[in-house]
Amino acid sequence: MAMHNVILPLLVVAVVTLLGSSFGLQYIVGDSIWSIPPTNHFYTNWSSSYTFRTGDTLYFDFDSPFYNLIEVSRGELESCTANQPYKAFMEGPATLPLMQKGVFYFICNVSNYCALGLKVSVTVEQNSPNLAPNSQV
């Protein structure tokens, strides 16, 4: 067996471990582009399948002006309104670092896309130096 066949996998594991513990992980929201989903609960199901920690980032891949990304309150997520947005990203893609624990709410307020399921809530847990690096992606 060639030496590089042994060293390369070990090097990849070392780099992934270092990056995971130092910087957190990046999640592509929905594991695809930020767009009208096939079902109304698609993004809810997606976010509930991961454990997000402080230091991780969310990557929303979307094309402007067809889509946008608005961070809103829980009430505005539920009513699909963005009258008092916390943040607005009109040009995609958007990368959002998860710097604090809590629940964060995001919608697209183009047309009726939010009502069609283009919304997501993300629960972020505090990262602990005692935890092993997050291994979900």
N, C-alpha and C. Protein backbone atom coordinates (compact mmCIF):
# COMPACT_ATOMS: atom_id res chain seq x y z
N MET A 1 0.86 -1.17 0.00
CA MET A 1 0.00 0.00 0.00
C MET A 1 0.90 1.23 0.00
N ALA A 2 0.60 2.21 -0.83
CA ALA A 2 1.40 3.43 -0.91
C ALA A 2 1.26 4.24 0.37
N MET A 3 2.33 4.93 0.72
CA MET A 3 2.37 5.71 1.95
C MET A 3 1.30 6.81 1.94
N HIS A 4 1.05 7.44 0.80
CA HIS A 4 0.06 8.52 0.76
C HIS A 4 -1.36 8.00 0.99
N ASN A 5 -1.61 6.73 0.73
CA ASN A 5 -2.93 6.15 1.00
C ASN A 5 -3.21 6.04 2.49
N VAL A 6 -2.17 6.04 3.30
CA VAL A 6 -2.32 5.97 4.75
C VAL A 6 -2.30 7.37 5.36
N ILE A 7 -1.40 8.21 4.89
CA ILE A 7 -1.22 9.54 5.48
C ILE A 7 -2.38 10.47 5.15
N LEU A 8 -2.87 10.46 3.94
CA LEU A 8 -3.93 11.39 3.54
C LEU A 8 -5.19 11.24 4.40
N PRO A 9 -5.73 10.03 4.62
CA PRO A 9 -6.91 9.93 5.49
C PRO A 9 -6.64 10.42 6.91
N LEU A 10 -5.47 10.15 7.43
CA LEU A 10 -5.13 10.63 8.78
C LEU A 10 -5.05 12.15 8.82
N LEU A 11 -4.50 12.75 7.78
CA LEU A 11 -4.41 14.21 7.70
C LEU A 11 -5.80 14.83 7.61
N VAL A 12 -6.69 14.25 6.83
CA VAL A 12 -8.06 14.76 6.70
C VAL A 12 -8.77 14.69 8.05
N VAL A 13 -8.65 13.60 8.77
CA VAL A 13 -9.28 13.46 10.08
C VAL A 13 -8.73 14.52 11.03
N ALA A 14 -7.43 14.76 11.02
CA ALA A 14 -6.82 15.75 11.91
C ALA A 14 -7.32 17.15 11.59
N VAL A 15 -7.39 17.51 10.32
CA VAL A 15 -7.86 18.84 9.93
C VAL A 15 -9.32 19.02 10.30
N VAL A 16 -10.16 18.04 10.01
CA VAL A 16 -11.59 18.13 10.34
C VAL A 16 -11.77 18.27 11.85
N THR A 17 -11.01 17.52 12.63
CA THR A 17 -11.11 17.61 14.09
C THR A 17 -10.70 18.99 14.57
N LEU A 18 -9.63 19.52 14.06
CA LEU A 18 -9.18 20.85 14.47
C LEU A 18 -10.18 21.93 14.07
N LEU A 19 -10.66 21.88 12.86
CA LEU A 19 -11.63 22.88 12.41
C LEU A 19 -12.93 22.77 13.17
N GLY A 20 -13.40 21.56 13.42
CA GLY A 20 -14.64 21.37 14.14
C GLY A 20 -14.57 21.91 15.55
N SER A 21 -13.44 21.76 16.21
CA SER A 21 -13.33 22.22 17.58
C SER A 21 -13.00 23.69 17.67
N SER A 22 -12.36 24.26 16.66
CA SER A 22 -11.94 25.65 16.73
C SER A 22 -12.99 26.60 16.19
N PHE A 23 -13.62 26.24 15.11
CA PHE A 23 -14.47 27.18 14.42
C PHE A 23 -15.94 26.78 14.38
N GLY A 24 -16.29 25.58 14.72
CA GLY A 24 -17.66 25.13 14.58
C GLY A 24 -17.90 24.62 13.17
N LEU A 25 -19.12 24.24 12.92
CA LEU A 25 -19.49 23.67 11.63
C LEU A 25 -20.35 24.63 10.84
N GLN A 26 -20.33 24.47 9.53
CA GLN A 26 -21.22 25.26 8.68
C GLN A 26 -22.31 24.32 8.15
N TYR A 27 -23.55 24.76 8.30
CA TYR A 27 -24.69 23.99 7.84
C TYR A 27 -25.33 24.70 6.66
N ILE A 28 -25.52 23.98 5.57
CA ILE A 28 -26.27 24.51 4.44
C ILE A 28 -27.74 24.30 4.78
N VAL A 29 -28.46 25.38 4.95
CA VAL A 29 -29.85 25.30 5.42
C VAL A 29 -30.68 24.51 4.42
N GLY A 30 -31.33 23.47 4.92
CA GLY A 30 -32.13 22.59 4.08
C GLY A 30 -31.30 21.60 3.30
N ASP A 31 -29.97 21.61 3.50
CA ASP A 31 -29.04 20.78 2.73
C ASP A 31 -29.14 21.03 1.24
N SER A 32 -29.59 22.23 0.87
CA SER A 32 -29.79 22.57 -0.54
C SER A 32 -29.94 24.08 -0.64
N ILE A 33 -30.56 24.55 -1.70
CA ILE A 33 -30.79 25.98 -1.84
C ILE A 33 -31.98 26.42 -1.00
N TRP A 34 -31.98 27.66 -0.55
CA TRP A 34 -33.08 28.27 0.22
C TRP A 34 -34.15 28.63 -0.80
N SER A 35 -35.18 27.80 -0.88
CA SER A 35 -36.23 27.99 -1.87
C SER A 35 -37.52 27.35 -1.36
N ILE A 36 -38.59 27.54 -2.09
CA ILE A 36 -39.88 26.97 -1.69
C ILE A 36 -39.72 25.46 -1.56
N PRO A 37 -40.02 24.92 -0.37
CA PRO A 37 -39.77 23.50 -0.13
C PRO A 37 -40.89 22.60 -0.68
N PRO A 38 -40.60 21.30 -0.77
CA PRO A 38 -41.61 20.36 -1.27
C PRO A 38 -42.79 20.17 -0.31
N THR A 39 -42.56 20.39 0.99
CA THR A 39 -43.64 20.31 1.98
C THR A 39 -43.52 21.50 2.93
N ASN A 40 -44.63 21.83 3.59
CA ASN A 40 -44.66 23.00 4.46
C ASN A 40 -43.75 22.85 5.68
N HIS A 41 -43.45 21.64 6.12
CA HIS A 41 -42.63 21.42 7.31
C HIS A 41 -41.21 20.96 6.99
N PHE A 42 -40.82 21.12 5.74
CA PHE A 42 -39.51 20.67 5.29
C PHE A 42 -38.38 21.26 6.14
N TYR A 43 -38.36 22.57 6.31
CA TYR A 43 -37.27 23.22 7.05
C TYR A 43 -37.35 22.95 8.55
N THR A 44 -38.55 22.78 9.08
CA THR A 44 -38.70 22.40 10.49
C THR A 44 -38.10 21.02 10.71
N ASN A 45 -38.41 20.10 9.84
CA ASN A 45 -37.85 18.74 9.94
C ASN A 45 -36.33 18.77 9.79
N TRP A 46 -35.84 19.60 8.87
CA TRP A 46 -34.39 19.70 8.67
C TRP A 46 -33.70 20.22 9.94
N SER A 47 -34.18 21.32 10.49
CA SER A 47 -33.50 21.92 11.64
C SER A 47 -33.59 21.04 12.88
N SER A 48 -34.66 20.28 13.03
CA SER A 48 -34.79 19.43 14.21
C SER A 48 -33.89 18.19 14.13
N SER A 49 -33.30 17.95 12.97
CA SER A 49 -32.43 16.78 12.83
C SER A 49 -30.97 17.09 13.16
N TYR A 50 -30.67 18.34 13.54
CA TYR A 50 -29.30 18.74 13.87
C TYR A 50 -29.23 19.36 15.25
N THR A 51 -28.04 19.32 15.83
CA THR A 51 -27.76 20.04 17.06
C THR A 51 -26.83 21.18 16.70
N PHE A 52 -27.32 22.41 16.80
CA PHE A 52 -26.53 23.58 16.47
C PHE A 52 -25.91 24.11 17.75
N ARG A 53 -24.66 24.54 17.64
CA ARG A 53 -23.94 25.06 18.80
C ARG A 53 -23.34 26.42 18.47
N THR A 54 -23.11 27.21 19.52
CA THR A 54 -22.44 28.48 19.30
C THR A 54 -21.10 28.21 18.61
N GLY A 55 -20.78 29.06 17.66
CA GLY A 55 -19.58 28.86 16.86
C GLY A 55 -19.87 28.24 15.51
N ASP A 56 -21.03 27.60 15.35
CA ASP A 56 -21.44 27.07 14.05
C ASP A 56 -21.94 28.22 13.18
N THR A 57 -22.12 27.97 11.90
CA THR A 57 -22.69 28.96 11.00
C THR A 57 -23.78 28.32 10.15
N LEU A 58 -24.73 29.16 9.76
CA LEU A 58 -25.78 28.75 8.82
C LEU A 58 -25.48 29.40 7.48
N TYR A 59 -25.59 28.62 6.43
CA TYR A 59 -25.36 29.11 5.07
C TYR A 59 -26.68 29.01 4.31
N PHE A 60 -27.23 30.16 3.96
CA PHE A 60 -28.47 30.24 3.18
C PHE A 60 -28.08 30.53 1.74
N ASP A 61 -28.28 29.57 0.86
CA ASP A 61 -27.91 29.71 -0.55
C ASP A 61 -29.15 30.10 -1.34
N PHE A 62 -29.22 31.37 -1.76
CA PHE A 62 -30.39 31.82 -2.52
C PHE A 62 -29.98 32.86 -3.56
N ASP A 63 -30.82 32.98 -4.56
CA ASP A 63 -30.62 33.96 -5.62
C ASP A 63 -31.49 35.17 -5.38
N SER A 64 -30.86 36.35 -5.37
CA SER A 64 -31.63 37.57 -5.31
C SER A 64 -31.97 37.94 -6.76
N PRO A 65 -33.05 38.56 -7.04
CA PRO A 65 -34.09 39.08 -6.16
C PRO A 65 -35.25 38.10 -5.97
N PHE A 66 -35.05 36.86 -6.35
CA PHE A 66 -36.14 35.89 -6.27
C PHE A 66 -36.44 35.44 -4.85
N TYR A 67 -35.44 35.51 -3.98
CA TYR A 67 -35.58 35.12 -2.58
C TYR A 67 -34.83 36.12 -1.71
N ASN A 68 -35.15 36.11 -0.42
CA ASN A 68 -34.39 36.88 0.55
C ASN A 68 -34.37 36.11 1.86
N LEU A 69 -33.75 36.70 2.86
CA LEU A 69 -33.67 36.07 4.18
C LEU A 69 -33.89 37.15 5.21
N ILE A 70 -34.89 36.95 6.06
CA ILE A 70 -35.22 37.93 7.09
C ILE A 70 -35.21 37.21 8.44
N GLU A 71 -34.45 37.75 9.41
CA GLU A 71 -34.50 37.23 10.77
C GLU A 71 -35.60 37.98 11.51
N VAL A 72 -36.51 37.22 12.10
CA VAL A 72 -37.70 37.79 12.72
C VAL A 72 -37.94 37.18 14.11
N SER A 73 -38.97 37.68 14.78
CA SER A 73 -39.40 37.11 16.05
C SER A 73 -40.22 35.85 15.79
N ARG A 74 -40.48 35.10 16.86
CA ARG A 74 -41.30 33.89 16.74
C ARG A 74 -42.70 34.24 16.21
N GLY A 75 -43.28 35.31 16.73
CA GLY A 75 -44.61 35.72 16.28
C GLY A 75 -44.64 36.04 14.81
N GLU A 76 -43.60 36.72 14.32
CA GLU A 76 -43.57 37.05 12.90
C GLU A 76 -43.30 35.82 12.04
N LEU A 77 -42.55 34.86 12.56
CA LEU A 77 -42.38 33.60 11.83
C LEU A 77 -43.73 32.92 11.69
N GLU A 78 -44.48 32.85 12.78
CA GLU A 78 -45.78 32.17 12.77
C GLU A 78 -46.79 32.88 11.86
N SER A 79 -46.73 34.22 11.80
CA SER A 79 -47.69 34.96 10.98
C SER A 79 -47.13 35.29 9.59
N CYS A 80 -45.88 34.88 9.35
CA CYS A 80 -45.21 35.16 8.07
C CYS A 80 -45.20 36.66 7.74
N THR A 81 -44.85 37.45 8.73
CA THR A 81 -44.70 38.89 8.51
C THR A 81 -43.28 39.29 8.89
N ALA A 82 -42.87 40.43 8.38
CA ALA A 82 -41.54 40.95 8.70
C ALA A 82 -41.64 42.45 8.95
N ASN A 83 -42.60 42.85 9.80
CA ASN A 83 -42.81 44.26 10.08
C ASN A 83 -41.71 44.85 10.95
N GLN A 84 -41.12 44.03 11.81
CA GLN A 84 -40.04 44.48 12.68
C GLN A 84 -38.88 43.49 12.62
N PRO A 85 -38.22 43.39 11.45
CA PRO A 85 -37.15 42.39 11.30
C PRO A 85 -35.94 42.74 12.15
N TYR A 86 -35.25 41.70 12.61
CA TYR A 86 -34.00 41.90 13.34
C TYR A 86 -32.86 42.15 12.35
N LYS A 87 -32.85 41.37 11.27
CA LYS A 87 -31.84 41.50 10.22
C LYS A 87 -32.50 41.14 8.90
N ALA A 88 -32.01 41.75 7.83
CA ALA A 88 -32.52 41.44 6.50
C ALA A 88 -31.35 41.26 5.54
N PHE A 89 -31.41 40.19 4.77
CA PHE A 89 -30.39 39.89 3.77
C PHE A 89 -31.09 39.81 2.42
N MET A 90 -30.89 40.83 1.61
CA MET A 90 -31.58 40.90 0.32
C MET A 90 -30.76 40.30 -0.81
N GLU A 91 -29.47 40.08 -0.56
CA GLU A 91 -28.60 39.48 -1.57
C GLU A 91 -28.02 38.19 -1.03
N GLY A 92 -28.11 37.16 -1.84
CA GLY A 92 -27.60 35.87 -1.41
C GLY A 92 -26.31 35.53 -2.10
N PRO A 93 -25.65 34.56 -1.61
CA PRO A 93 -25.97 33.79 -0.41
C PRO A 93 -25.63 34.56 0.87
N ALA A 94 -26.14 34.07 2.00
CA ALA A 94 -25.89 34.71 3.30
C ALA A 94 -25.34 33.67 4.27
N THR A 95 -24.29 34.06 4.98
CA THR A 95 -23.70 33.20 6.00
C THR A 95 -23.90 33.87 7.34
N LEU A 96 -24.52 33.16 8.27
CA LEU A 96 -24.82 33.71 9.59
C LEU A 96 -24.11 32.93 10.67
N PRO A 97 -23.20 33.57 11.40
CA PRO A 97 -22.57 32.89 12.52
C PRO A 97 -23.54 32.79 13.69
N LEU A 98 -23.54 31.67 14.35
CA LEU A 98 -24.38 31.45 15.53
C LEU A 98 -23.53 31.76 16.76
N MET A 99 -23.64 32.98 17.25
CA MET A 99 -22.74 33.46 18.30
C MET A 99 -23.29 33.30 19.71
N GLN A 100 -24.59 33.10 19.84
CA GLN A 100 -25.17 32.95 21.18
C GLN A 100 -26.24 31.87 21.16
N LYS A 101 -26.50 31.32 22.35
CA LYS A 101 -27.51 30.28 22.43
C LYS A 101 -28.89 30.94 22.39
N GLY A 102 -29.88 30.16 21.98
CA GLY A 102 -31.24 30.65 21.89
C GLY A 102 -31.93 30.05 20.68
N VAL A 103 -33.11 30.58 20.39
CA VAL A 103 -33.87 30.14 19.23
C VAL A 103 -33.95 31.32 18.26
N PHE A 104 -33.64 31.06 17.00
CA PHE A 104 -33.60 32.09 15.98
C PHE A 104 -34.56 31.71 14.86
N TYR A 105 -35.22 32.73 14.31
CA TYR A 105 -36.30 32.52 13.34
C TYR A 105 -35.99 33.26 12.05
N PHE A 106 -36.18 32.56 10.93
CA PHE A 106 -35.87 33.13 9.62
C PHE A 106 -37.00 32.83 8.65
N ILE A 107 -37.30 33.82 7.82
CA ILE A 107 -38.31 33.65 6.78
C ILE A 107 -37.83 34.27 5.48
N CYS A 108 -38.52 33.96 4.41
CA CYS A 108 -38.40 34.69 3.16
C CYS A 108 -39.71 35.44 3.01
N ASN A 109 -39.63 36.77 2.81
CA ASN A 109 -40.89 37.52 2.70
C ASN A 109 -41.18 37.96 1.27
N VAL A 110 -40.62 37.26 0.30
CA VAL A 110 -40.98 37.50 -1.10
C VAL A 110 -42.32 36.79 -1.35
N SER A 111 -43.26 37.53 -1.92
CA SER A 111 -44.57 36.98 -2.27
C SER A 111 -45.17 36.21 -1.07
N ASN A 112 -45.70 35.02 -1.31
CA ASN A 112 -46.27 34.20 -0.23
C ASN A 112 -45.37 33.01 0.10
N TYR A 113 -44.07 33.14 -0.16
CA TYR A 113 -43.14 32.03 0.01
C TYR A 113 -43.09 31.51 1.45
N CYS A 114 -43.19 32.41 2.42
CA CYS A 114 -43.18 31.97 3.83
C CYS A 114 -44.38 31.06 4.10
N ALA A 115 -45.54 31.45 3.64
CA ALA A 115 -46.74 30.64 3.83
C ALA A 115 -46.62 29.28 3.13
N LEU A 116 -45.79 29.22 2.11
CA LEU A 116 -45.54 27.96 1.40
C LEU A 116 -44.47 27.12 2.07
N GLY A 117 -43.96 27.60 3.22
CA GLY A 117 -43.00 26.81 3.99
C GLY A 117 -41.58 27.32 3.99
N LEU A 118 -41.32 28.47 3.36
CA LEU A 118 -39.95 28.99 3.32
C LEU A 118 -39.66 29.78 4.59
N LYS A 119 -39.51 29.01 5.68
CA LYS A 119 -39.24 29.56 7.01
C LYS A 119 -38.59 28.47 7.84
N VAL A 120 -37.77 28.91 8.81
CA VAL A 120 -37.07 27.94 9.64
C VAL A 120 -36.77 28.55 10.99
N SER A 121 -36.84 27.73 12.03
CA SER A 121 -36.36 28.13 13.35
C SER A 121 -35.19 27.22 13.70
N VAL A 122 -34.21 27.81 14.37
CA VAL A 122 -32.99 27.09 14.72
C VAL A 122 -32.72 27.27 16.20
N THR A 123 -32.57 26.18 16.92
CA THR A 123 -32.23 26.21 18.34
C THR A 123 -30.73 26.01 18.47
N VAL A 124 -30.07 26.97 19.13
CA VAL A 124 -28.62 26.94 19.28
C VAL A 124 -28.28 26.69 20.75
N GLU A 125 -27.46 25.68 20.97
CA GLU A 125 -26.99 25.35 22.32
C GLU A 125 -25.61 25.96 22.53
N GLN A 126 -25.28 26.21 23.78
CA GLN A 126 -23.96 26.74 24.12
C GLN A 126 -22.91 25.66 23.86
N ASN A 127 -21.86 26.02 23.13
CA ASN A 127 -20.76 25.10 22.90
C ASN A 127 -19.92 25.06 24.16
N SER A 128 -19.46 23.89 24.52
CA SER A 128 -18.65 23.73 25.71
C SER A 128 -17.29 23.19 25.30
N PRO A 129 -16.20 23.72 25.86
CA PRO A 129 -14.89 23.18 25.52
C PRO A 129 -14.74 21.71 25.90
N ASN A 130 -15.60 21.22 26.80
CA ASN A 130 -15.53 19.83 27.22
C ASN A 130 -16.23 18.88 26.25
N LEU A 131 -17.03 19.45 25.32
CA LEU A 131 -17.74 18.60 24.36
C LEU A 131 -16.81 18.23 23.22
N ALA A 132 -17.02 17.04 22.70
CA ALA A 132 -16.30 16.65 21.49
C ALA A 132 -16.82 17.52 20.35
N PRO A 133 -16.04 17.75 19.32
CA PRO A 133 -16.52 18.57 18.20
C PRO A 133 -17.82 18.02 17.64
N ASN A 134 -18.68 18.93 17.25
CA ASN A 134 -19.95 18.56 16.66
C ASN A 134 -19.68 17.78 15.39
N SER A 135 -20.26 16.62 15.24
CA SER A 135 -19.95 15.77 14.10
C SER A 135 -21.10 15.62 13.15
N GLN A 136 -22.15 16.43 13.31
CA GLN A 136 -23.31 16.30 12.43
C GLN A 136 -23.20 17.29 11.29
N VAL A 137 -23.32 16.85 10.10
CA VAL A 137 -23.47 17.71 8.91
C VAL A 137 -24.04 16.88 7.81
